[in-house]
Amino acid sequence: MYIVRDIFDFETGWLAKSPCKECSRINELPECSDECRVLDQIRILLARGVSCTGNHHFTEP
C-alpha cells in the first residue's frame, strides 16, 4: 500500500484511550490486533504523518 505523507505528526493528534479497552475481543489480545480494522485505520493515519521531532537536517558532502 502506498501512503501519502502529507500531514505533520502534531496534526494527527493522539489517542486519549486505547480502542482495545472496550472491544469485545479484549481477551484475545495481542493475537487479534493483526486483523483489527480499527487498529488498521489508526496505523494508516499515523503512517501518513511526517515527524516533527528528531534530527532531520541535511549536510553538504
Protein backbone atom coordinates (compact mmCIF):
# COMPACT_ATOMS: atom_id res chain seq x y z
CA MET A 1 0.00 0.00 0.00
CA TYR A 2 1.28 3.48 -0.90
CA ILE A 3 0.87 6.07 1.88
CA VAL A 4 0.82 9.77 1.00
CA ARG A 5 2.72 11.54 3.76
CA ASP A 6 1.05 14.92 3.73
CA ILE A 7 0.37 15.80 7.37
CA PHE A 8 2.65 16.53 10.30
CA ASP A 9 2.55 14.40 13.44
CA PHE A 10 1.10 17.27 15.50
CA GLU A 11 -1.87 17.37 13.09
CA THR A 12 -2.74 13.70 13.63
CA GLY A 13 -3.40 14.20 17.33
CA TRP A 14 -3.11 11.44 19.89
CA LEU A 15 -5.17 8.63 21.31
CA ALA A 16 -6.93 9.53 24.54
CA LYS A 17 -7.84 5.91 25.19
CA SER A 18 -6.98 2.63 23.53
CA PRO A 19 -9.82 1.33 21.34
CA CYS A 20 -9.00 -2.13 22.73
CA LYS A 21 -10.25 -1.22 26.23
CA GLU A 22 -13.91 -1.52 25.21
CA CYS A 23 -13.50 -4.13 22.48
CA SER A 24 -15.46 -7.38 22.71
CA ARG A 25 -12.28 -9.27 21.76
CA ILE A 26 -10.08 -7.83 24.52
CA ASN A 27 -9.42 -11.31 25.90
CA GLU A 28 -7.80 -12.25 22.58
CA LEU A 29 -5.07 -9.59 22.75
CA PRO A 30 -2.49 -9.35 21.25
CA GLU A 31 -3.34 -12.01 18.65
CA CYS A 32 -6.44 -10.14 17.45
CA SER A 33 -4.53 -6.89 16.74
CA ASP A 34 -3.26 -8.06 13.34
CA GLU A 35 -6.79 -8.41 11.97
CA CYS A 36 -8.42 -5.43 13.72
CA ARG A 37 -9.96 -2.87 11.34
CA VAL A 38 -9.94 -0.08 13.95
CA LEU A 39 -6.21 -0.54 14.62
CA ASP A 40 -5.55 -0.70 10.87
CA GLN A 41 -7.24 2.69 10.40
CA ILE A 42 -5.17 4.15 13.23
CA ARG A 43 -1.94 2.74 11.76
CA ILE A 44 -2.73 4.22 8.34
CA LEU A 45 -3.49 7.63 9.83
CA LEU A 46 -0.27 7.64 11.84
CA ALA A 47 1.78 6.41 8.87
CA ARG A 48 0.70 9.49 6.91
CA GLY A 49 2.28 11.82 9.45
CA VAL A 50 5.68 13.39 8.99
CA SER A 51 7.61 13.50 12.24
CA CYS A 52 8.45 16.93 13.61
CA THR A 53 10.94 15.59 16.14
CA GLY A 54 14.46 14.33 15.77
CA ASN A 55 17.39 15.37 13.66
CA HIS A 56 16.26 15.79 10.05
CA HIS A 57 18.76 18.30 8.73
CA PHE A 58 20.86 17.58 5.69
CA THR A 59 24.54 18.34 5.46
CA GLU A 60 26.56 19.11 2.37
CA PRO A 61 29.02 16.33 1.42
